[in-house]
Protein backbone atom coordinates (compact mmCIF):
# COMPACT_ATOMS: atom_id res chain seq x y z
CA MET A 1 0.24 0.27 -0.27
CA GLU A 2 1.21 3.49 -0.97
CA LYS A 3 2.16 5.69 1.84
CA ASP A 4 0.66 9.23 2.05
CA TYR A 5 3.77 11.25 3.35
CA LYS A 6 1.89 14.58 2.41
CA LYS A 7 -0.39 14.08 4.89
CA ALA A 8 1.88 12.44 7.37
CA ILE A 9 4.15 15.43 6.90
CA LYS A 10 0.96 17.87 7.23
CA TYR A 11 0.88 15.84 10.94
CA ALA A 12 4.29 15.87 11.24
CA VAL A 13 4.40 19.74 10.87
CA LYS A 14 1.59 20.45 13.54
CA VAL A 15 3.35 18.44 16.20
CA ILE A 16 6.87 19.95 14.97
CA ASP A 17 5.21 23.34 15.54
CA ALA A 18 4.08 22.48 19.27
CA TRP A 19 7.52 20.77 20.13
CA LEU A 20 10.53 22.63 18.81
CA PRO A 21 10.17 25.75 20.51
CA SER A 22 10.31 24.40 24.26
CA LYS A 23 12.91 21.88 22.80
CA ILE A 24 15.29 24.30 22.25
CA GLN A 25 15.24 25.88 25.58
CA TYR A 26 15.58 22.41 27.48
CA ASP A 27 18.19 21.77 25.23
CA ARG A 28 19.64 25.26 25.49
CA ILE A 29 19.73 25.89 21.87
CA PRO A 30 20.14 29.73 21.02
CA ALA A 31 18.63 29.47 17.41
CA LEU A 32 17.41 26.89 15.27
CA SER A 33 16.29 26.87 11.95
CA VAL A 34 14.29 23.82 10.38
CA GLY A 35 13.22 22.98 6.85
CA ILE A 36 11.45 20.13 5.10
CA VAL A 37 11.11 19.43 1.52
CA HIS A 38 9.35 16.94 -0.31
CA ASN A 39 9.01 16.40 -4.29
CA GLY A 40 11.59 19.23 -4.90
CA LYS A 41 9.07 21.23 -2.58
CA LEU A 42 9.76 23.78 0.58
CA VAL A 43 6.76 22.50 2.50
CA TYR A 44 7.47 24.06 5.87
CA LYS A 45 10.13 26.53 6.90
CA ARG A 46 10.75 28.27 10.02
CA GLY A 47 12.80 29.63 12.45
CA PHE A 48 12.80 29.25 16.63
CA GLY A 49 14.55 30.97 19.24
CA PHE A 50 17.55 34.33 18.60
CA ALA A 51 20.22 34.41 15.74
CA ASP A 52 21.82 37.12 18.17
CA VAL A 53 20.64 36.35 21.78
CA GLU A 54 21.88 39.77 23.02
CA SER A 55 19.94 41.64 20.39
CA ARG A 56 16.89 39.56 20.51
CA GLU A 57 17.07 39.48 16.79
CA SER A 58 14.79 36.33 16.08
CA ALA A 59 16.12 33.11 13.56
CA THR A 60 13.91 32.39 10.27
CA PRO A 61 14.49 30.08 7.47
CA ASN A 62 16.58 32.92 6.17
CA THR A 63 18.70 32.91 8.69
CA CYS A 64 22.42 32.00 8.01
CA TYR A 65 24.61 29.44 9.41
CA ARG A 66 27.97 28.29 9.36
CA ILE A 67 27.35 24.72 8.05
CA ALA A 68 30.41 23.80 8.24
CA SER A 69 31.36 19.60 6.73
CA ILE A 70 28.25 19.86 4.84
CA SER A 71 30.56 21.97 2.66
CA LYS A 72 32.21 18.27 1.47
CA THR A 73 29.17 17.44 -0.44
CA PHE A 74 29.34 20.58 -2.85
CA THR A 75 32.64 19.81 -3.11
CA ALA A 76 31.66 16.20 -4.38
CA VAL A 77 29.51 17.88 -6.52
CA ALA A 78 31.88 19.91 -7.84
CA ILE A 79 34.61 16.83 -8.83
CA MET A 80 31.75 14.81 -9.97
CA GLN A 81 31.15 17.21 -12.45
CA LEU A 82 34.58 18.14 -13.78
CA ALA A 83 34.67 14.07 -13.99
CA GLU A 84 31.55 14.22 -16.43
CA GLN A 85 33.28 16.55 -18.62
CA GLY A 86 36.08 14.25 -18.88
CA LYS A 87 38.49 16.55 -17.06
CA LEU A 88 39.18 14.65 -14.57
CA ASN A 89 39.06 10.56 -13.71
CA LEU A 90 38.12 9.51 -9.84
CA ASP A 91 40.48 7.04 -9.97
CA ASP A 92 43.70 9.33 -10.71
CA LYS A 93 46.16 9.99 -8.16
CA ILE A 94 46.07 13.17 -6.23
CA TYR A 95 50.19 13.74 -7.38
CA LYS A 96 48.99 13.92 -10.38
CA TYR A 97 48.08 17.47 -9.72
CA PHE A 98 50.83 18.33 -7.55
CA PRO A 99 54.29 17.51 -8.15
CA TRP A 100 55.03 18.77 -4.53
CA PHE A 101 52.70 15.90 -2.98
CA LYS A 102 54.77 13.35 -4.97
CA ALA A 103 58.07 14.86 -3.93
CA LYS A 104 57.12 15.42 0.25
CA THR A 105 55.39 11.88 0.34
CA LYS A 106 58.28 9.18 0.16
CA ASP A 107 56.34 6.22 0.44
CA SER A 108 54.89 3.89 -1.97
CA ASP A 109 51.10 4.30 0.03
CA SER A 110 50.56 7.72 -0.40
CA ARG A 111 51.93 8.18 -4.41
CA ASN A 112 48.75 5.45 -4.75
CA ILE A 113 45.97 8.18 -3.08
CA THR A 114 43.53 9.07 -5.04
CA ILE A 115 40.68 11.58 -5.78
CA ARG A 116 38.18 8.94 -5.10
CA GLN A 117 39.92 7.66 -2.22
CA ILE A 118 39.95 11.13 -0.73
CA LEU A 119 36.32 11.37 -1.49
CA SER A 120 35.60 8.52 0.56
CA HIS A 121 37.51 9.28 3.33
CA THR A 122 39.76 5.65 2.82
CA ALA A 123 43.30 7.65 1.83
CA GLY A 124 44.51 7.25 5.51
CA VAL A 125 45.53 10.40 5.45
CA PHE A 126 45.35 12.50 8.92
CA ARG A 127 42.36 15.11 10.16
CA ASP A 128 43.32 18.49 10.18
CA GLY A 129 47.16 18.42 9.10
CA ASN A 130 49.20 19.71 11.70
CA THR A 131 47.84 23.32 12.44
CA PRO A 132 45.87 24.55 15.44
CA HIS A 133 43.62 26.47 13.37
CA TRP A 134 40.42 24.53 15.18
CA ALA A 135 41.20 26.35 18.00
CA ASN A 136 43.29 29.74 17.51
CA ASP A 137 40.89 30.03 14.25
CA LYS A 138 44.14 30.42 11.70
CA PHE A 139 43.25 27.64 8.85
CA PRO A 140 46.00 27.49 6.57
CA ASP A 141 46.26 28.75 3.12
CA VAL A 142 48.04 26.37 0.48
CA ALA A 143 51.56 27.04 1.38
CA GLY A 144 50.34 25.82 4.43
CA LEU A 145 48.84 22.28 3.22
CA GLN A 146 51.93 21.60 1.22
CA LYS A 147 54.35 22.28 4.83
CA SER A 148 52.53 19.80 6.52
CA ILE A 149 51.88 17.41 3.33
CA SER A 150 55.17 15.09 4.17
CA LYS A 151 53.58 13.51 7.50
CA ALA A 152 49.85 13.23 5.88
CA THR A 153 49.54 9.39 5.92
CA VAL A 154 48.71 7.69 9.35
CA PHE A 155 47.22 4.75 7.76
CA GLU A 156 47.79 2.57 4.28
CA ASN A 157 44.97 3.43 2.10
CA LEU A 158 42.21 1.50 1.38
CA THR A 159 42.73 0.12 4.75
CA LYS A 160 39.80 1.35 6.62
CA PHE A 161 37.45 4.79 7.07
CA LYS A 162 39.36 7.91 8.47
CA TYR A 163 37.40 11.45 8.16
CA SER A 164 39.73 14.02 6.60
CA ASN A 165 39.24 17.23 6.72
CA PHE A 166 42.34 17.83 5.14
CA GLY A 167 41.99 15.55 2.16
CA PHE A 168 38.65 18.00 1.10
CA ALA A 169 41.36 20.65 1.62
CA LEU A 170 43.38 18.93 -1.39
CA LEU A 171 40.37 18.63 -3.39
CA GLY A 172 39.81 22.08 -3.76
CA GLU A 173 42.98 22.43 -5.47
CA VAL A 174 42.29 19.68 -7.59
CA ILE A 175 39.44 21.75 -8.67
CA LYS A 176 41.51 25.03 -9.12
CA LYS A 177 44.02 23.14 -11.01
CA VAL A 178 41.67 21.10 -13.47
CA SER A 179 39.08 24.08 -14.06
CA GLY A 180 41.65 27.25 -14.22
CA MET A 181 39.03 28.91 -11.72
CA THR A 182 39.83 29.27 -7.83
CA TYR A 183 37.28 27.14 -5.61
CA ASP A 184 35.24 29.88 -4.74
CA GLU A 185 34.85 30.79 -8.28
CA TYR A 186 33.82 27.76 -9.70
CA VAL A 187 31.11 26.78 -7.47
CA ASN A 188 29.79 29.97 -7.12
CA LYS A 189 29.70 29.57 -11.08
CA HIS A 190 28.17 25.91 -11.27
CA ILE A 191 27.05 25.29 -8.19
CA ILE A 192 25.85 28.52 -5.99
CA ARG A 193 24.50 30.76 -9.01
CA LYS A 194 22.99 28.02 -10.94
CA LEU A 195 20.44 27.06 -8.28
CA GLU A 196 19.81 30.73 -7.30
CA MET A 197 21.21 30.19 -3.49
CA GLY A 198 21.19 33.98 -2.45
CA ARG A 199 22.50 33.66 0.94
CA THR A 200 25.34 30.75 0.22
CA THR A 201 28.97 31.40 -0.49
CA PRO A 202 31.69 28.91 0.14
CA ASP A 203 33.68 31.04 2.51
CA LEU A 204 33.09 34.10 4.36
CA THR A 205 32.82 37.16 2.74
CA LYS A 206 32.04 40.76 3.75
CA GLU A 207 28.72 40.69 2.70
CA SER A 208 28.15 37.17 3.84
CA LYS A 209 28.81 38.42 7.62
CA LYS A 210 25.99 40.68 7.14
CA TRP A 211 24.02 37.24 6.81
CA LEU A 212 25.30 35.39 9.42
CA ALA A 213 23.71 34.54 12.84
CA LYS A 214 26.24 34.49 15.98
CA GLY A 215 27.53 31.62 16.39
CA TYR A 216 27.93 30.61 20.35
CA SER A 217 30.37 28.21 22.65
CA ARG A 218 28.89 25.39 24.56
CA PRO A 219 27.38 25.75 28.11
CA ILE A 220 30.40 25.83 30.80
CA PRO A 221 29.93 25.37 34.47
CA ASN A 222 30.02 28.65 36.29
CA LYS A 223 30.48 30.24 32.93
CA GLU A 224 28.67 32.03 30.75
CA ARG A 225 28.44 31.09 26.65
CA GLU A 226 30.83 32.92 24.69
CA ALA A 227 29.88 34.37 21.32
CA PHE A 228 32.57 32.87 18.54
CA HIS A 229 34.26 35.65 15.86
CA HIS A 230 33.50 34.45 12.14
CA VAL A 231 36.61 33.38 10.63
CA PRO A 232 37.85 32.49 6.86
CA THR A 233 39.09 28.97 6.22
CA LYS A 234 40.99 29.76 3.18
CA ALA A 235 42.44 25.93 1.85
CA TYR A 236 39.68 24.20 4.27
CA ALA A 237 36.69 26.52 2.71
CA SER A 238 36.69 22.84 0.48
CA ALA A 239 36.10 20.94 3.39
CA THR A 240 34.30 23.55 5.95
CA GLY A 241 33.59 27.07 4.81
CA PHE A 242 30.54 26.87 3.39
CA LEU A 243 27.71 29.23 5.16
CA SER A 244 23.99 28.80 4.02
CA ASN A 245 20.38 28.55 5.21
CA VAL A 246 17.36 26.84 5.48
CA SER A 247 15.76 28.19 1.93
CA ASP A 248 18.66 27.75 -0.20
CA LEU A 249 19.78 24.47 1.41
CA ALA A 250 16.24 23.16 0.47
CA LYS A 251 16.76 23.82 -3.94
CA TYR A 252 20.14 22.06 -3.34
CA LEU A 253 18.63 18.78 -1.58
CA SER A 254 15.89 19.32 -4.58
CA ALA A 255 18.74 19.23 -7.03
CA LEU A 256 20.34 15.94 -5.82
CA SER A 257 16.55 14.13 -6.40
CA LEU A 258 17.11 10.99 -7.66
CA LYS A 259 13.32 10.69 -8.05
CA ARG A 260 12.29 14.37 -10.33
CA LYS A 261 13.32 14.32 -13.83
CA VAL A 262 12.88 18.06 -14.16
CA ALA A 263 15.34 18.83 -11.08
CA THR A 264 17.74 21.02 -11.84
CA PRO A 265 21.16 19.36 -13.27
CA LEU A 266 23.69 19.47 -11.32
CA ILE A 267 24.67 16.02 -12.07
CA ASN A 268 23.31 13.76 -14.16
CA LYS A 269 21.54 10.67 -12.62
CA GLU A 270 25.10 7.90 -12.67
CA SER A 271 26.80 10.67 -11.09
CA LYS A 272 24.46 11.05 -8.33
CA LYS A 273 23.68 7.24 -7.92
CA GLU A 274 27.82 7.03 -7.41
CA ILE A 275 28.37 9.67 -4.39
CA MET A 276 25.28 7.69 -2.57
CA ARG A 277 26.77 4.21 -3.29
CA GLU A 278 28.25 2.53 0.03
CA TYR A 279 32.00 2.86 0.05
CA TRP A 280 33.19 2.05 3.64
CA ALA A 281 31.30 1.90 7.00
CA THR A 282 32.34 4.57 8.85
CA GLY A 283 32.55 2.61 12.56
CA GLU A 284 28.75 4.99 13.44
CA LYS A 285 26.35 2.23 13.91
CA ASP A 286 24.52 1.30 10.60
CA GLU A 287 26.33 4.70 8.97
CA SER A 288 28.37 4.38 5.88
CA TYR A 289 30.17 6.94 3.28
CA GLY A 290 30.13 7.37 -0.16
CA LEU A 291 31.27 10.26 -1.98
CA GLY A 292 30.83 13.28 0.12
CA PHE A 293 27.95 12.32 1.87
CA ALA A 294 27.01 9.54 4.96
CA ILE A 295 25.02 7.26 4.05
CA TYR A 296 22.12 5.54 7.03
CA LYS A 297 19.01 4.20 7.52
CA ILE A 298 15.51 5.98 9.41
CA GLU A 299 12.94 3.31 10.21
CA ASN A 300 14.36 1.36 7.42
CA ARG A 301 14.40 4.48 4.73
CA LYS A 302 18.07 5.10 3.24
CA ILE A 303 18.92 8.23 4.31
CA VAL A 304 21.93 10.34 2.16
CA GLY A 305 23.04 13.77 3.77
CA HIS A 306 25.95 15.47 5.75
CA GLY A 307 26.41 17.09 9.55
CA GLY A 308 28.65 20.23 10.01
CA GLY A 309 30.43 21.25 12.95
CA PHE A 310 31.91 24.99 13.46
CA ALA A 311 32.53 26.88 16.10
CA GLY A 312 28.91 28.01 17.22
CA PHE A 313 27.42 25.67 14.99
CA ILE A 314 25.98 22.36 14.32
CA THR A 315 23.91 21.50 11.14
CA GLN A 316 22.23 18.85 9.39
CA ILE A 317 20.95 17.72 5.66
CA ALA A 318 19.61 14.58 4.99
CA LEU A 319 17.61 13.10 2.12
CA ASP A 320 15.06 10.14 1.82
CA VAL A 321 15.98 9.09 -1.43
CA GLU A 322 13.74 6.93 -2.08
CA ASN A 323 10.70 8.97 -1.03
CA ASP A 324 12.36 12.40 -1.90
CA ILE A 325 12.00 13.75 1.65
CA GLY A 326 14.65 16.70 2.35
CA VAL A 327 14.76 17.63 6.49
CA ILE A 328 17.27 20.68 7.18
CA THR A 329 18.05 21.25 10.68
CA LEU A 330 20.80 24.51 11.36
CA SER A 331 21.58 25.65 14.81
CA ASN A 332 24.00 28.19 15.89
CA THR A 333 26.12 26.30 19.13
CA ASN A 334 28.74 24.19 19.19
CA ASP A 335 26.69 21.56 21.71
CA SER A 336 23.93 21.29 19.98
CA SER A 337 20.86 17.97 19.08
CA SER A 338 20.38 19.26 15.96
CA GLY A 339 21.13 15.80 14.32
CA LEU A 340 18.64 14.27 16.95
CA ILE A 341 15.78 16.76 15.97
CA LYS A 342 16.70 16.17 12.28
CA GLN A 343 16.04 12.31 13.14
CA GLY A 344 13.28 12.93 15.53
CA ILE A 345 11.41 14.85 12.37
CA PHE A 346 11.73 11.63 10.17
CA GLU A 347 10.95 9.63 12.90
CA THR A 348 7.78 11.58 13.06
CA ILE A 349 7.01 11.95 9.24
CA TYR A 350 7.45 8.09 9.37
CA LYS A 351 5.22 7.38 12.24
CA PHE A 352 1.82 9.04 10.76
CA ALA A 353 2.93 7.63 7.02
CA ASP A 354 3.92 4.06 8.48
CA GLU A 355 0.58 3.60 11.35
CA LYS A 356 -1.85 6.37 9.61
CA SER A 357 -4.85 4.10 10.79
CA LYS A 358 -3.24 4.31 14.28
CA TYR A 359 -2.66 7.88 14.88
CA ILE A 360 -4.61 9.63 12.07
CA GLU A 361 -7.64 7.73 10.65
CA GLY A 362 -11.68 7.83 12.40
CA LYS A 363 -13.75 10.45 13.24
CA LYS A 364 -12.17 13.65 13.76
CA ILE A 365 -12.44 15.17 17.54
CA SER A 366 -14.38 18.36 16.63
CA THR A 367 -12.95 20.40 19.39
CA GLN A 368 -9.62 18.87 19.84
CA GLU A 369 -7.81 22.42 19.80
CA LYS A 370 -9.70 22.65 23.89
CA TYR A 371 -7.16 19.83 24.54
CA GLU A 372 -3.80 21.23 23.04
CA GLY A 373 -0.94 23.14 24.91
CA ALA A 374 1.47 22.37 27.10
CA TYR A 375 1.06 20.91 30.87
CA ARG A 376 2.97 21.11 33.91
CA SER A 377 3.50 19.15 37.37
CA LYS A 378 6.54 18.56 39.90
CA TRP A 379 7.46 16.38 37.84
CA GLY A 380 7.29 17.19 34.17
CA ASP A 381 5.69 19.31 30.97
CA GLU A 382 3.77 17.10 28.62
CA ILE A 383 2.28 18.98 25.56
CA VAL A 384 -0.79 17.75 24.15
CA VAL A 385 -1.27 17.97 20.19
CA GLY A 386 -4.50 16.96 18.21
CA VAL A 387 -4.06 14.84 15.00
CA ASP A 388 -8.00 14.38 13.66
CA ALA A 389 -8.96 11.04 15.30
CA ASN A 390 -6.89 11.65 18.71
CA LEU A 391 -4.61 13.36 20.53
CA VAL A 392 -0.79 13.22 21.17
CA ALA A 393 1.28 13.53 24.15
CA PHE A 394 4.78 14.53 24.70
CA SER A 395 7.69 15.79 27.06
CA PRO A 396 9.17 18.61 25.06
CA LYS A 397 12.55 17.15 25.78
CA THR A 398 11.97 14.15 23.55
CA ASN A 399 14.56 13.97 20.62
CA SER A 400 11.54 11.94 18.96
CA PRO A 401 7.64 13.32 19.82
CA VAL A 402 5.60 10.41 18.00
CA LYS A 403 8.05 7.74 17.88
CA ASP A 404 8.33 8.09 22.26
CA GLY A 405 5.01 10.00 23.01
CA THR A 406 1.81 8.60 24.10
CA LEU A 407 -1.33 8.31 22.10
CA LEU A 408 -4.55 9.79 24.02
CA LYS A 409 -7.37 7.52 22.38
CA PRO A 410 -11.10 9.21 23.50
CA LYS A 411 -13.27 7.83 25.48
CA GLY A 412 -16.26 9.34 27.08
CA LYS A 413 -15.99 13.27 27.63
CA ASN A 414 -12.99 14.75 27.99
CA LYS A 415 -11.12 11.63 28.47
CA PHE A 416 -8.90 9.54 26.85
CA VAL A 417 -7.37 6.08 27.14
CA MET A 418 -3.19 6.28 27.35
CA ASP A 419 -1.65 4.12 24.64
CA SER A 420 2.33 4.08 25.36
CA LYS A 421 4.64 1.66 24.71
CA PHE A 422 6.64 2.35 27.93
CA ASN A 423 5.21 -0.71 30.91
CA PHE A 424 6.39 1.83 33.51
CA ASP A 425 4.25 4.67 31.93
CA SER A 426 0.65 4.42 32.85
CA PRO A 427 -1.01 2.38 29.77
CA GLY A 428 -4.71 1.72 29.76
CA GLU A 429 -5.00 4.05 32.35
CA PHE A 430 -7.24 7.53 31.74
CA ALA A 431 -5.74 11.44 30.65
CA ASP A 432 -8.40 13.41 32.34
CA PHE A 433 -9.38 16.80 31.15
CA VAL A 434 -10.52 19.90 33.50
CA PHE A 435 -12.34 22.75 32.24
CA GLY A 436 -12.81 25.80 34.99
CA LYS A 437 -14.51 28.81 33.88
CA ASN A 438 -12.82 29.13 30.37
CA LYS A 439 -14.39 26.39 28.87
CA ARG A 440 -12.35 27.16 25.69
CA LYS A 441 -8.90 25.34 26.81
CA ALA A 442 -8.72 22.43 29.89
CA SER A 443 -7.07 24.03 32.74
CA LYS A 444 -5.49 20.69 34.02
CA LEU A 445 -4.74 17.32 32.82
CA ILE A 446 -4.53 14.53 35.23
CA TRP A 447 -2.66 11.73 33.98
CA GLY A 448 -3.06 8.89 35.86
CA SER A 449 -4.03 9.70 38.99
CA THR A 450 -1.38 12.87 38.92
CA PRO A 451 -2.27 16.24 37.70
CA SER A 452 -0.65 18.68 35.78
CA GLU A 453 -1.59 22.60 35.08
CA ARG A 454 -1.44 24.15 31.95
CA ILE A 455 1.07 26.42 30.99
CA GLU A 456 -0.10 29.96 30.04
CA GLU A 457 1.09 30.98 26.69
């Protein structure tokens, strides 16, 4: 039976709108911008919290964030474009493009490193060179890459997965060498402007600095959260330099779709399949890596995408290839649950799609809005959302509101049976809504035997 993802997303959005305003407060995330793409359209976009906490500037779908290692996906697309044009081969050895690479790497294994191996993080080269740029914000230029290359190889190539920003910095130089343009010029012309991504740049510029949210440090005991300075990444732009927003990244995910023939052709379908093919297990649970893209599963669906971490930013893009559903979560602190929120959004969509008869089929509760809202007891908060025939209740702290929530099934006037997968909760018991003088909204929720008071918005 074909699943109704359009309807599932509709109900997921209602849950997300109730969940994330509180979730980011519990997780101490200053700002979060979220997008959902379906069949090439940005069907949901919203910002939560503050892009600038001090000035109380609200986050929006157009707020820009450093997307860090999501930059690697752009670099992979650029390499595939050049391969399609016959300007390079994925199995070309790196030293073909850089005489200094061959001169400074003495062992034969290093000289056998290829573009494909770097794209798939199987070249065995070190993660970040030998400069402390993640600490002092002074990213190296090309000369800096050359200085550190003699000690680049940590493991023999094609023996294990080893993530490498340094390798992708080298790929930026390959693009420059082959195209006759700087890396910035190439990706701007052939990806960014092609997709009309008006608030995306491959590295920090004077203009893009004005668009960028403040990036904040992780919470540290007895210390206020720090706002980091924005810095350019120089030779590391192809690994970690990009900044973008929800609206632009929605266009990018749509262009990567395998489903729609009308997708803007950044690369052909065979190239897309190649970058999304599993090359090596990363060591993370059920995750592999392709060419510039991570590959994993959520609720038995294949997901491709990437995360990014920069000083003050944690970001995620992900695409359900088969069902053409993309999720974007961008946050402005480097201690963020952005990745878990992305997963929770997918799980919420899939829960409504897979268990439609359980959650949303049946006679609609005509006055469900009178039950909806947040309720608080000494033990925690509970958010209640109506999904037509039933209600769903969940903690605002949860990472997956429907999967880990409680289904409330109508059973008499203002009374609902609790359906929870957690046997230490109160499955089979009743949730009763109590109304005071204001009959339009419940003032109290009695959960089994424990009362909670409505939190006034």
